[in-house]
Amino acid sequence: MLTDQTRLLALALLEIRTLLADYLGSDVDAPMSVRVAAHMAYALHNEAEAAYSNADFQLDHATRKIAAIDEILGVTDGAALLSRFEIKAKVILDSAQPG
């Protein structure tokens, strides 16, 4: 069961996706940070809906969607985010191993 905190964050991401919908696409006149945020929210909205509904989603699908943002917009923000996530995941896994 997911926590209320997780559900609130998921709902907030869904709202952010709605608010940034006009900034999707490869030919949008907006700062790149806004465009990246719009694409990231759009990429993860199905996962946010799953989390809000207390359902599981495929982490590998979500990470591929994030990585695709770099190809769509010609940036490295998706890779940077995934790099930070993998570092945190590795630290958690390493600390769980008997020493």
N, C-alpha and C. Protein backbone atom coordinates (compact mmCIF):
# COMPACT_ATOMS: atom_id res chain seq x y z
N MET A 1 0.84 -1.19 0.00
CA MET A 1 0.00 0.00 0.00
C MET A 1 0.89 1.25 0.00
N LEU A 2 0.58 2.18 -0.89
CA LEU A 2 1.33 3.41 -0.96
C LEU A 2 0.88 4.38 0.11
N THR A 3 1.79 5.25 0.48
CA THR A 3 1.47 6.22 1.51
C THR A 3 0.71 7.40 0.93
N ASP A 4 0.08 8.16 1.80
CA ASP A 4 -0.61 9.38 1.37
C ASP A 4 0.39 10.35 0.76
N GLN A 5 1.64 10.36 1.26
CA GLN A 5 2.66 11.25 0.71
C GLN A 5 2.93 10.91 -0.76
N THR A 6 3.04 9.62 -1.07
CA THR A 6 3.28 9.19 -2.45
C THR A 6 2.10 9.56 -3.33
N ARG A 7 0.91 9.35 -2.84
CA ARG A 7 -0.28 9.68 -3.63
C ARG A 7 -0.38 11.18 -3.89
N LEU A 8 -0.03 12.00 -2.90
CA LEU A 8 -0.07 13.45 -3.09
C LEU A 8 0.97 13.89 -4.13
N LEU A 9 2.16 13.33 -4.06
CA LEU A 9 3.18 13.66 -5.06
C LEU A 9 2.74 13.24 -6.46
N ALA A 10 2.13 12.09 -6.57
CA ALA A 10 1.63 11.61 -7.86
C ALA A 10 0.54 12.55 -8.39
N LEU A 11 -0.37 12.95 -7.54
CA LEU A 11 -1.43 13.86 -7.96
C LEU A 11 -0.85 15.21 -8.38
N ALA A 12 0.15 15.68 -7.67
CA ALA A 12 0.79 16.94 -8.03
C ALA A 12 1.46 16.83 -9.40
N LEU A 13 2.10 15.70 -9.70
CA LEU A 13 2.72 15.51 -11.00
C LEU A 13 1.66 15.51 -12.10
N LEU A 14 0.52 14.90 -11.84
CA LEU A 14 -0.57 14.93 -12.82
C LEU A 14 -1.04 16.37 -13.08
N GLU A 15 -1.12 17.16 -12.04
CA GLU A 15 -1.52 18.56 -12.19
C GLU A 15 -0.46 19.35 -12.95
N ILE A 16 0.81 19.10 -12.65
CA ILE A 16 1.90 19.78 -13.37
C ILE A 16 1.85 19.43 -14.85
N ARG A 17 1.58 18.18 -15.15
CA ARG A 17 1.46 17.76 -16.55
C ARG A 17 0.37 18.54 -17.26
N THR A 18 -0.77 18.73 -16.61
CA THR A 18 -1.87 19.48 -17.19
C THR A 18 -1.48 20.94 -17.40
N LEU A 19 -0.82 21.52 -16.42
CA LEU A 19 -0.43 22.93 -16.50
C LEU A 19 0.60 23.19 -17.59
N LEU A 20 1.46 22.21 -17.86
CA LEU A 20 2.54 22.39 -18.83
C LEU A 20 2.22 21.81 -20.21
N ALA A 21 1.01 21.36 -20.42
CA ALA A 21 0.65 20.69 -21.67
C ALA A 21 0.94 21.54 -22.91
N ASP A 22 0.82 22.86 -22.81
CA ASP A 22 1.06 23.73 -23.96
C ASP A 22 2.54 23.81 -24.35
N TYR A 23 3.42 23.25 -23.53
CA TYR A 23 4.86 23.34 -23.79
C TYR A 23 5.45 22.04 -24.32
N LEU A 24 4.60 21.12 -24.74
CA LEU A 24 5.05 19.86 -25.33
C LEU A 24 5.34 20.06 -26.81
N GLY A 25 6.28 19.28 -27.32
CA GLY A 25 6.61 19.33 -28.73
C GLY A 25 8.03 19.80 -28.95
N SER A 26 8.50 19.63 -30.17
CA SER A 26 9.88 19.98 -30.47
C SER A 26 10.03 21.42 -30.96
N ASP A 27 8.92 22.08 -31.32
CA ASP A 27 8.98 23.46 -31.82
C ASP A 27 8.13 24.38 -30.96
N VAL A 28 8.49 24.50 -29.71
CA VAL A 28 7.74 25.34 -28.77
C VAL A 28 8.62 26.51 -28.38
N ASP A 29 8.03 27.70 -28.35
CA ASP A 29 8.77 28.89 -27.97
C ASP A 29 8.65 29.09 -26.45
N ALA A 30 9.56 28.46 -25.73
CA ALA A 30 9.58 28.55 -24.27
C ALA A 30 10.99 28.21 -23.81
N PRO A 31 11.35 28.63 -22.60
CA PRO A 31 12.67 28.24 -22.09
C PRO A 31 12.81 26.71 -22.06
N MET A 32 14.02 26.24 -22.33
CA MET A 32 14.24 24.79 -22.39
C MET A 32 13.87 24.12 -21.07
N SER A 33 14.11 24.76 -19.95
CA SER A 33 13.77 24.14 -18.67
C SER A 33 12.27 23.87 -18.55
N VAL A 34 11.45 24.76 -19.09
CA VAL A 34 10.00 24.58 -19.06
C VAL A 34 9.62 23.44 -20.00
N ARG A 35 10.25 23.39 -21.16
CA ARG A 35 9.96 22.32 -22.11
C ARG A 35 10.36 20.96 -21.55
N VAL A 36 11.52 20.89 -20.90
CA VAL A 36 11.96 19.62 -20.29
C VAL A 36 10.98 19.21 -19.20
N ALA A 37 10.57 20.15 -18.37
CA ALA A 37 9.61 19.84 -17.31
C ALA A 37 8.30 19.33 -17.89
N ALA A 38 7.83 19.95 -18.97
CA ALA A 38 6.59 19.50 -19.61
C ALA A 38 6.73 18.07 -20.13
N HIS A 39 7.84 17.78 -20.78
CA HIS A 39 8.05 16.44 -21.32
C HIS A 39 8.23 15.41 -20.21
N MET A 40 8.90 15.80 -19.13
CA MET A 40 9.09 14.86 -18.03
C MET A 40 7.75 14.53 -17.37
N ALA A 41 6.94 15.54 -17.14
CA ALA A 41 5.62 15.30 -16.55
C ALA A 41 4.75 14.45 -17.48
N TYR A 42 4.81 14.74 -18.77
CA TYR A 42 4.04 13.96 -19.74
C TYR A 42 4.53 12.51 -19.79
N ALA A 43 5.85 12.33 -19.76
CA ALA A 43 6.43 10.98 -19.83
C ALA A 43 5.99 10.12 -18.65
N LEU A 44 5.79 10.74 -17.52
CA LEU A 44 5.50 9.98 -16.30
C LEU A 44 4.04 10.03 -15.85
N HIS A 45 3.16 10.61 -16.66
CA HIS A 45 1.79 10.76 -16.16
C HIS A 45 1.08 9.42 -15.97
N ASN A 46 1.35 8.42 -16.81
CA ASN A 46 0.72 7.11 -16.59
C ASN A 46 1.20 6.48 -15.28
N GLU A 47 2.48 6.63 -15.00
CA GLU A 47 3.02 6.10 -13.75
C GLU A 47 2.47 6.86 -12.55
N ALA A 48 2.29 8.17 -12.71
CA ALA A 48 1.70 8.97 -11.63
C ALA A 48 0.26 8.53 -11.37
N GLU A 49 -0.48 8.27 -12.44
CA GLU A 49 -1.86 7.78 -12.27
C GLU A 49 -1.87 6.43 -11.56
N ALA A 50 -0.92 5.57 -11.91
CA ALA A 50 -0.83 4.26 -11.24
C ALA A 50 -0.53 4.44 -9.77
N ALA A 51 0.45 5.29 -9.46
CA ALA A 51 0.81 5.51 -8.05
C ALA A 51 -0.36 6.11 -7.28
N TYR A 52 -1.06 7.06 -7.89
CA TYR A 52 -2.20 7.68 -7.23
C TYR A 52 -3.29 6.65 -6.95
N SER A 53 -3.44 5.71 -7.86
CA SER A 53 -4.46 4.66 -7.72
C SER A 53 -3.99 3.47 -6.91
N ASN A 54 -2.80 3.59 -6.34
CA ASN A 54 -2.23 2.54 -5.50
C ASN A 54 -1.93 1.27 -6.32
N ALA A 55 -1.50 1.47 -7.56
CA ALA A 55 -1.15 0.35 -8.44
C ALA A 55 0.35 0.41 -8.75
N ASP A 56 0.87 -0.70 -9.22
CA ASP A 56 2.27 -0.76 -9.61
C ASP A 56 2.45 -0.30 -11.04
N PHE A 57 3.69 0.08 -11.36
CA PHE A 57 4.04 0.36 -12.74
C PHE A 57 5.44 -0.18 -12.99
N GLN A 58 5.79 -0.31 -14.25
CA GLN A 58 7.08 -0.87 -14.64
C GLN A 58 8.14 0.22 -14.60
N LEU A 59 9.09 0.09 -13.70
CA LEU A 59 10.15 1.07 -13.54
C LEU A 59 10.98 1.18 -14.82
N ASP A 60 11.24 0.07 -15.50
CA ASP A 60 12.05 0.14 -16.71
C ASP A 60 11.34 0.93 -17.81
N HIS A 61 10.02 0.85 -17.89
CA HIS A 61 9.28 1.64 -18.87
C HIS A 61 9.40 3.13 -18.54
N ALA A 62 9.29 3.46 -17.27
CA ALA A 62 9.40 4.85 -16.85
C ALA A 62 10.78 5.41 -17.15
N THR A 63 11.82 4.64 -16.89
CA THR A 63 13.17 5.13 -17.15
C THR A 63 13.42 5.31 -18.65
N ARG A 64 12.87 4.44 -19.46
CA ARG A 64 13.02 4.61 -20.92
C ARG A 64 12.30 5.87 -21.41
N LYS A 65 11.16 6.17 -20.83
CA LYS A 65 10.44 7.38 -21.21
C LYS A 65 11.25 8.62 -20.83
N ILE A 66 11.87 8.59 -19.66
CA ILE A 66 12.70 9.72 -19.24
C ILE A 66 13.89 9.88 -20.17
N ALA A 67 14.52 8.78 -20.52
CA ALA A 67 15.69 8.83 -21.43
C ALA A 67 15.30 9.38 -22.79
N ALA A 68 14.10 9.10 -23.25
CA ALA A 68 13.65 9.56 -24.57
C ALA A 68 13.54 11.08 -24.66
N ILE A 69 13.36 11.74 -23.53
CA ILE A 69 13.26 13.20 -23.52
C ILE A 69 14.52 13.81 -24.13
N ASP A 70 15.67 13.25 -23.83
CA ASP A 70 16.93 13.78 -24.36
C ASP A 70 16.95 13.71 -25.88
N GLU A 71 16.45 12.63 -26.43
CA GLU A 71 16.42 12.49 -27.89
C GLU A 71 15.42 13.46 -28.52
N ILE A 72 14.30 13.65 -27.89
CA ILE A 72 13.26 14.53 -28.44
C ILE A 72 13.71 15.98 -28.43
N LEU A 73 14.32 16.41 -27.33
CA LEU A 73 14.66 17.83 -27.16
C LEU A 73 16.14 18.14 -27.37
N GLY A 74 16.98 17.12 -27.55
CA GLY A 74 18.41 17.38 -27.73
C GLY A 74 19.07 17.91 -26.47
N VAL A 75 18.68 17.36 -25.33
CA VAL A 75 19.23 17.78 -24.03
C VAL A 75 19.83 16.57 -23.32
N THR A 76 20.32 16.76 -22.13
CA THR A 76 20.85 15.65 -21.33
C THR A 76 20.18 15.58 -19.96
N ASP A 77 19.07 16.26 -19.80
CA ASP A 77 18.38 16.30 -18.51
C ASP A 77 17.84 14.94 -18.08
N GLY A 78 17.33 14.17 -19.02
CA GLY A 78 16.83 12.83 -18.69
C GLY A 78 17.94 11.94 -18.19
N ALA A 79 19.07 11.95 -18.89
CA ALA A 79 20.21 11.13 -18.47
C ALA A 79 20.73 11.58 -17.10
N ALA A 80 20.74 12.89 -16.87
CA ALA A 80 21.20 13.40 -15.58
C ALA A 80 20.29 12.94 -14.44
N LEU A 81 18.99 12.99 -14.67
CA LEU A 81 18.04 12.54 -13.66
C LEU A 81 18.21 11.05 -13.38
N LEU A 82 18.31 10.27 -14.44
CA LEU A 82 18.47 8.82 -14.27
C LEU A 82 19.78 8.48 -13.58
N SER A 83 20.81 9.24 -13.86
CA SER A 83 22.09 9.03 -13.20
C SER A 83 21.96 9.26 -11.70
N ARG A 84 21.28 10.32 -11.32
CA ARG A 84 21.07 10.60 -9.89
C ARG A 84 20.23 9.50 -9.25
N PHE A 85 19.21 9.02 -9.96
CA PHE A 85 18.35 7.96 -9.43
C PHE A 85 19.14 6.67 -9.24
N GLU A 86 19.94 6.30 -10.22
CA GLU A 86 20.71 5.06 -10.13
C GLU A 86 21.75 5.13 -9.03
N ILE A 87 22.33 6.28 -8.80
CA ILE A 87 23.29 6.42 -7.70
C ILE A 87 22.58 6.18 -6.38
N LYS A 88 21.43 6.79 -6.20
CA LYS A 88 20.67 6.61 -4.96
C LYS A 88 20.23 5.16 -4.81
N ALA A 89 19.77 4.54 -5.89
CA ALA A 89 19.33 3.14 -5.83
C ALA A 89 20.51 2.25 -5.48
N LYS A 90 21.69 2.52 -6.05
CA LYS A 90 22.86 1.71 -5.77
C LYS A 90 23.26 1.84 -4.30
N VAL A 91 23.22 3.03 -3.75
CA VAL A 91 23.56 3.24 -2.34
C VAL A 91 22.61 2.47 -1.45
N ILE A 92 21.33 2.48 -1.76
CA ILE A 92 20.35 1.73 -0.98
C ILE A 92 20.62 0.24 -1.06
N LEU A 93 20.88 -0.26 -2.27
CA LEU A 93 21.16 -1.69 -2.44
C LEU A 93 22.44 -2.08 -1.72
N ASP A 94 23.47 -1.27 -1.84
CA ASP A 94 24.74 -1.57 -1.19
C ASP A 94 24.60 -1.59 0.34
N SER A 95 23.82 -0.67 0.88
CA SER A 95 23.67 -0.63 2.33
C SER A 95 22.83 -1.78 2.86
N ALA A 96 22.03 -2.41 1.99
CA ALA A 96 21.20 -3.53 2.40
C ALA A 96 21.97 -4.85 2.40
N GLN A 97 23.13 -4.87 1.75
CA GLN A 97 23.92 -6.09 1.66
C GLN A 97 24.69 -6.30 2.96
N PRO A 98 24.79 -7.57 3.43
CA PRO A 98 25.54 -7.82 4.66
C PRO A 98 27.02 -7.50 4.43
N GLY A 99 27.65 -6.91 5.45
CA GLY A 99 29.02 -6.45 5.29
C GLY A 99 30.03 -7.26 5.91
